[in-house]
Amino acid sequence: MRINAEKVIQVSDKGVLNNVISNYIFKRVSMVGINPPFNTENKYERAAYLRS
């Protein structure tokens, strides 16, 4: 039972870590401004697009 519980914890930790990494990457991309839909320099416009 204990081994199974540890495996579940490891898997869920990986999922959380992947979410954190992907969120960080999206934030970095929006800060740098690589979003194709917006050519403007408006950070808030890009952030709103990413959130939707």
PDB file of N, CA and C in Angstrom:
ATOM      1  N   MET A   1       0.834  -1.209   0.000  1.00  0.00           N
ATOM      2  CA  MET A   1       0.000   0.000   0.000  1.00  0.00           C
ATOM      3  C   MET A   1       0.871   1.264   0.000  1.00  0.00           C
ATOM      4  N   ARG A   2       1.929   1.238   0.782  1.00  0.00           N
ATOM      5  CA  ARG A   2       2.765   2.437   0.888  1.00  0.00           C
ATOM      6  C   ARG A   2       3.460   2.754  -0.440  1.00  0.00           C
ATOM      7  N   ILE A   3       3.925   1.730  -1.147  1.00  0.00           N
ATOM      8  CA  ILE A   3       4.596   1.945  -2.437  1.00  0.00           C
ATOM      9  C   ILE A   3       3.619   2.577  -3.431  1.00  0.00           C
ATOM     10  N   ASN A   4       2.380   2.080  -3.467  1.00  0.00           N
ATOM     11  CA  ASN A   4       1.381   2.630  -4.384  1.00  0.00           C
ATOM     12  C   ASN A   4       1.118   4.099  -4.079  1.00  0.00           C
ATOM     13  N   ALA A   5       1.009   4.425  -2.794  1.00  0.00           N
ATOM     14  CA  ALA A   5       0.745   5.811  -2.404  1.00  0.00           C
ATOM     15  C   ALA A   5       1.893   6.712  -2.862  1.00  0.00           C
ATOM     16  N   GLU A   6       3.129   6.239  -2.720  1.00  0.00           N
ATOM     17  CA  GLU A   6       4.281   7.043  -3.139  1.00  0.00           C
ATOM     18  C   GLU A   6       4.269   7.260  -4.646  1.00  0.00           C
ATOM     19  N   LYS A   7       3.892   6.213  -5.393  1.00  0.00           N
ATOM     20  CA  LYS A   7       3.826   6.357  -6.854  1.00  0.00           C
ATOM     21  C   LYS A   7       2.788   7.398  -7.244  1.00  0.00           C
ATOM     22  N   VAL A   8       1.636   7.360  -6.585  1.00  0.00           N
ATOM     23  CA  VAL A   8       0.577   8.335  -6.880  1.00  0.00           C
ATOM     24  C   VAL A   8       1.074   9.747  -6.597  1.00  0.00           C
ATOM     25  N   ILE A   9       1.777   9.918  -5.480  1.00  0.00           N
ATOM     26  CA  ILE A   9       2.300  11.239  -5.118  1.00  0.00           C
ATOM     27  C   ILE A   9       3.306  11.711  -6.165  1.00  0.00           C
ATOM     28  N   GLN A  10       4.185  10.819  -6.615  1.00  0.00           N
ATOM     29  CA  GLN A  10       5.181  11.191  -7.625  1.00  0.00           C
ATOM     30  C   GLN A  10       4.502  11.633  -8.914  1.00  0.00           C
ATOM     31  N   VAL A  11       3.490  10.882  -9.343  1.00  0.00           N
ATOM     32  CA  VAL A  11       2.792  11.210 -10.588  1.00  0.00           C
ATOM     33  C   VAL A  11       2.097  12.560 -10.471  1.00  0.00           C
ATOM     34  N   SER A  12       1.412  12.796  -9.337  1.00  0.00           N
ATOM     35  CA  SER A  12       0.698  14.065  -9.177  1.00  0.00           C
ATOM     36  C   SER A  12       1.694  15.222  -9.086  1.00  0.00           C
ATOM     37  N   ASP A  13       2.853  14.993  -8.459  1.00  0.00           N
ATOM     38  CA  ASP A  13       3.875  16.038  -8.395  1.00  0.00           C
ATOM     39  C   ASP A  13       4.352  16.402  -9.795  1.00  0.00           C
ATOM     40  N   LYS A  14       4.525  15.386 -10.657  1.00  0.00           N
ATOM     41  CA  LYS A  14       4.959  15.662 -12.032  1.00  0.00           C
ATOM     42  C   LYS A  14       3.918  16.499 -12.756  1.00  0.00           C
ATOM     43  N   GLY A  15       2.638  16.190 -12.552  1.00  0.00           N
ATOM     44  CA  GLY A  15       1.569  16.952 -13.190  1.00  0.00           C
ATOM     45  C   GLY A  15       1.592  18.400 -12.746  1.00  0.00           C
ATOM     46  N   VAL A  16       1.769  18.616 -11.443  1.00  0.00           N
ATOM     47  CA  VAL A  16       1.823  19.982 -10.912  1.00  0.00           C
ATOM     48  C   VAL A  16       3.031  20.710 -11.488  1.00  0.00           C
ATOM     49  N   LEU A  17       4.166  20.027 -11.524  1.00  0.00           N
ATOM     50  CA  LEU A  17       5.393  20.643 -12.034  1.00  0.00           C
ATOM     51  C   LEU A  17       5.226  21.019 -13.502  1.00  0.00           C
ATOM     52  N   ASN A  18       4.625  20.135 -14.296  1.00  0.00           N
ATOM     53  CA  ASN A  18       4.400  20.431 -15.713  1.00  0.00           C
ATOM     54  C   ASN A  18       3.503  21.646 -15.878  1.00  0.00           C
ATOM     55  N   ASN A  19       2.460  21.747 -15.042  1.00  0.00           N
ATOM     56  CA  ASN A  19       1.570  22.917 -15.103  1.00  0.00           C
ATOM     57  C   ASN A  19       2.338  24.193 -14.790  1.00  0.00           C
ATOM     58  N   VAL A  20       3.170  24.131 -13.749  1.00  0.00           N
ATOM     59  CA  VAL A  20       3.947  25.315 -13.360  1.00  0.00           C
ATOM     60  C   VAL A  20       4.885  25.721 -14.490  1.00  0.00           C
ATOM     61  N   ILE A  21       5.562  24.722 -15.084  1.00  0.00           N
ATOM     62  CA  ILE A  21       6.516  25.011 -16.165  1.00  0.00           C
ATOM     63  C   ILE A  21       5.800  25.605 -17.371  1.00  0.00           C
ATOM     64  N   SER A  22       4.675  25.009 -17.772  1.00  0.00           N
ATOM     65  CA  SER A  22       3.964  25.509 -18.953  1.00  0.00           C
ATOM     66  C   SER A  22       3.408  26.907 -18.696  1.00  0.00           C
ATOM     67  N   ASN A  23       2.905  27.158 -17.473  1.00  0.00           N
ATOM     68  CA  ASN A  23       2.420  28.504 -17.134  1.00  0.00           C
ATOM     69  C   ASN A  23       3.562  29.511 -17.201  1.00  0.00           C
ATOM     70  N   TYR A  24       4.733  29.110 -16.681  1.00  0.00           N
ATOM     71  CA  TYR A  24       5.896  29.999 -16.701  1.00  0.00           C
ATOM     72  C   TYR A  24       6.302  30.316 -18.140  1.00  0.00           C
ATOM     73  N   ILE A  25       6.316  29.287 -18.987  1.00  0.00           N
ATOM     74  CA  ILE A  25       6.699  29.488 -20.391  1.00  0.00           C
ATOM     75  C   ILE A  25       5.723  30.441 -21.070  1.00  0.00           C
ATOM     76  N   PHE A  26       4.412  30.245 -20.843  1.00  0.00           N
ATOM     77  CA  PHE A  26       3.415  31.125 -21.454  1.00  0.00           C
ATOM     78  C   PHE A  26       3.617  32.561 -20.988  1.00  0.00           C
ATOM     79  N   LYS A  27       3.913  32.742 -19.700  1.00  0.00           N
ATOM     80  CA  LYS A  27       4.134  34.091 -19.182  1.00  0.00           C
ATOM     81  C   LYS A  27       5.371  34.711 -19.819  1.00  0.00           C
ATOM     82  N   ARG A  28       6.445  33.926 -19.941  1.00  0.00           N
ATOM     83  CA  ARG A  28       7.669  34.440 -20.557  1.00  0.00           C
ATOM     84  C   ARG A  28       7.407  34.823 -22.012  1.00  0.00           C
ATOM     85  N   VAL A  29       6.691  33.982 -22.726  1.00  0.00           N
ATOM     86  CA  VAL A  29       6.396  34.248 -24.138  1.00  0.00           C
ATOM     87  C   VAL A  29       5.588  35.533 -24.268  1.00  0.00           C
ATOM     88  N   SER A  30       4.597  35.718 -23.376  1.00  0.00           N
ATOM     89  CA  SER A  30       3.765  36.921 -23.462  1.00  0.00           C
ATOM     90  C   SER A  30       4.581  38.163 -23.099  1.00  0.00           C
ATOM     91  N   MET A  31       5.553  38.023 -22.183  1.00  0.00           N
ATOM     92  CA  MET A  31       6.389  39.162 -21.818  1.00  0.00           C
ATOM     93  C   MET A  31       7.299  39.544 -22.980  1.00  0.00           C
ATOM     94  N   VAL A  32       7.866  38.538 -23.624  1.00  0.00           N
ATOM     95  CA  VAL A  32       8.776  38.801 -24.739  1.00  0.00           C
ATOM     96  C   VAL A  32       7.981  39.328 -25.933  1.00  0.00           C
ATOM     97  N   GLY A  33       6.740  38.878 -26.072  1.00  0.00           N
ATOM     98  CA  GLY A  33       5.868  39.391 -27.121  1.00  0.00           C
ATOM     99  C   GLY A  33       5.947  38.601 -28.412  1.00  0.00           C
ATOM    100  N   ILE A  34       6.016  37.270 -28.312  1.00  0.00           N
ATOM    101  CA  ILE A  34       6.110  36.434 -29.516  1.00  0.00           C
ATOM    102  C   ILE A  34       4.712  36.038 -29.998  1.00  0.00           C
ATOM    103  N   ASN A  35       3.669  36.571 -29.348  1.00  0.00           N
ATOM    104  CA  ASN A  35       2.303  36.204 -29.744  1.00  0.00           C
ATOM    105  C   ASN A  35       1.994  36.721 -31.140  1.00  0.00           C
ATOM    106  N   PRO A  36       1.676  35.843 -32.083  1.00  0.00           N
ATOM    107  CA  PRO A  36       1.373  36.274 -33.453  1.00  0.00           C
ATOM    108  C   PRO A  36       0.163  37.203 -33.575  1.00  0.00           C
ATOM    109  N   PRO A  37      -0.925  37.004 -32.795  1.00  0.00           N
ATOM    110  CA  PRO A  37      -2.119  37.819 -33.033  1.00  0.00           C
ATOM    111  C   PRO A  37      -1.932  39.308 -32.760  1.00  0.00           C
ATOM    112  N   PHE A  38      -0.941  39.688 -31.966  1.00  0.00           N
ATOM    113  CA  PHE A  38      -0.810  41.097 -31.601  1.00  0.00           C
ATOM    114  C   PHE A  38       0.551  41.648 -32.016  1.00  0.00           C
ATOM    115  N   ASN A  39       0.535  42.642 -32.858  1.00  0.00           N
ATOM    116  CA  ASN A  39       1.769  43.323 -33.238  1.00  0.00           C
ATOM    117  C   ASN A  39       2.007  44.553 -32.375  1.00  0.00           C
ATOM    118  N   THR A  40       1.019  44.909 -31.551  1.00  0.00           N
ATOM    119  CA  THR A  40       1.157  46.091 -30.694  1.00  0.00           C
ATOM    120  C   THR A  40       2.089  45.781 -29.530  1.00  0.00           C
ATOM    121  N   GLU A  41       2.521  46.807 -28.849  1.00  0.00           N
ATOM    122  CA  GLU A  41       3.392  46.644 -27.681  1.00  0.00           C
ATOM    123  C   GLU A  41       2.586  46.629 -26.386  1.00  0.00           C
ATOM    124  N   ASN A  42       1.280  46.391 -26.497  1.00  0.00           N
ATOM    125  CA  ASN A  42       0.414  46.423 -25.320  1.00  0.00           C
ATOM    126  C   ASN A  42       0.469  45.081 -24.586  1.00  0.00           C
ATOM    127  N   LYS A  43       1.158  45.039 -23.448  1.00  0.00           N
ATOM    128  CA  LYS A  43       1.291  43.798 -22.680  1.00  0.00           C
ATOM    129  C   LYS A  43      -0.059  43.322 -22.160  1.00  0.00           C
ATOM    130  N   TYR A  44      -0.920  44.247 -21.763  1.00  0.00           N
ATOM    131  CA  TYR A  44      -2.200  43.855 -21.169  1.00  0.00           C
ATOM    132  C   TYR A  44      -3.095  43.212 -22.210  1.00  0.00           C
ATOM    133  N   GLU A  45      -3.012  43.688 -23.438  1.00  0.00           N
ATOM    134  CA  GLU A  45      -3.795  43.108 -24.527  1.00  0.00           C
ATOM    135  C   GLU A  45      -3.379  41.651 -24.735  1.00  0.00           C
ATOM    136  N   ARG A  46      -2.073  41.424 -24.749  1.00  0.00           N
ATOM    137  CA  ARG A  46      -1.556  40.068 -24.933  1.00  0.00           C
ATOM    138  C   ARG A  46      -1.948  39.171 -23.761  1.00  0.00           C
ATOM    139  N   ALA A  47      -1.853  39.712 -22.541  1.00  0.00           N
ATOM    140  CA  ALA A  47      -2.192  38.926 -21.351  1.00  0.00           C
ATOM    141  C   ALA A  47      -3.662  38.526 -21.385  1.00  0.00           C
ATOM    142  N   ALA A  48      -4.523  39.449 -21.807  1.00  0.00           N
ATOM    143  CA  ALA A  48      -5.956  39.160 -21.894  1.00  0.00           C
ATOM    144  C   ALA A  48      -6.201  38.069 -22.927  1.00  0.00           C
ATOM    145  N   TYR A  49      -5.463  38.107 -24.030  1.00  0.00           N
ATOM    146  CA  TYR A  49      -5.610  37.084 -25.069  1.00  0.00           C
ATOM    147  C   TYR A  49      -5.187  35.719 -24.528  1.00  0.00           C
ATOM    148  N   LEU A  50      -4.090  35.676 -23.786  1.00  0.00           N
ATOM    149  CA  LEU A  50      -3.611  34.400 -23.246  1.00  0.00           C
ATOM    150  C   LEU A  50      -4.592  33.827 -22.235  1.00  0.00           C
ATOM    151  N   ARG A  51      -5.235  34.699 -21.443  1.00  0.00           N
ATOM    152  CA  ARG A  51      -6.148  34.220 -20.406  1.00  0.00           C
ATOM    153  C   ARG A  51      -7.422  33.646 -21.004  1.00  0.00           C
ATOM    154  N   SER A  52      -7.856  34.153 -22.146  1.00  0.00           N
ATOM    155  CA  SER A  52      -9.121  33.708 -22.732  1.00  0.00           C
ATOM    156  C   SER A  52      -9.000  32.315 -23.342  1.00  0.00           C
TER     157      SER A  52
END
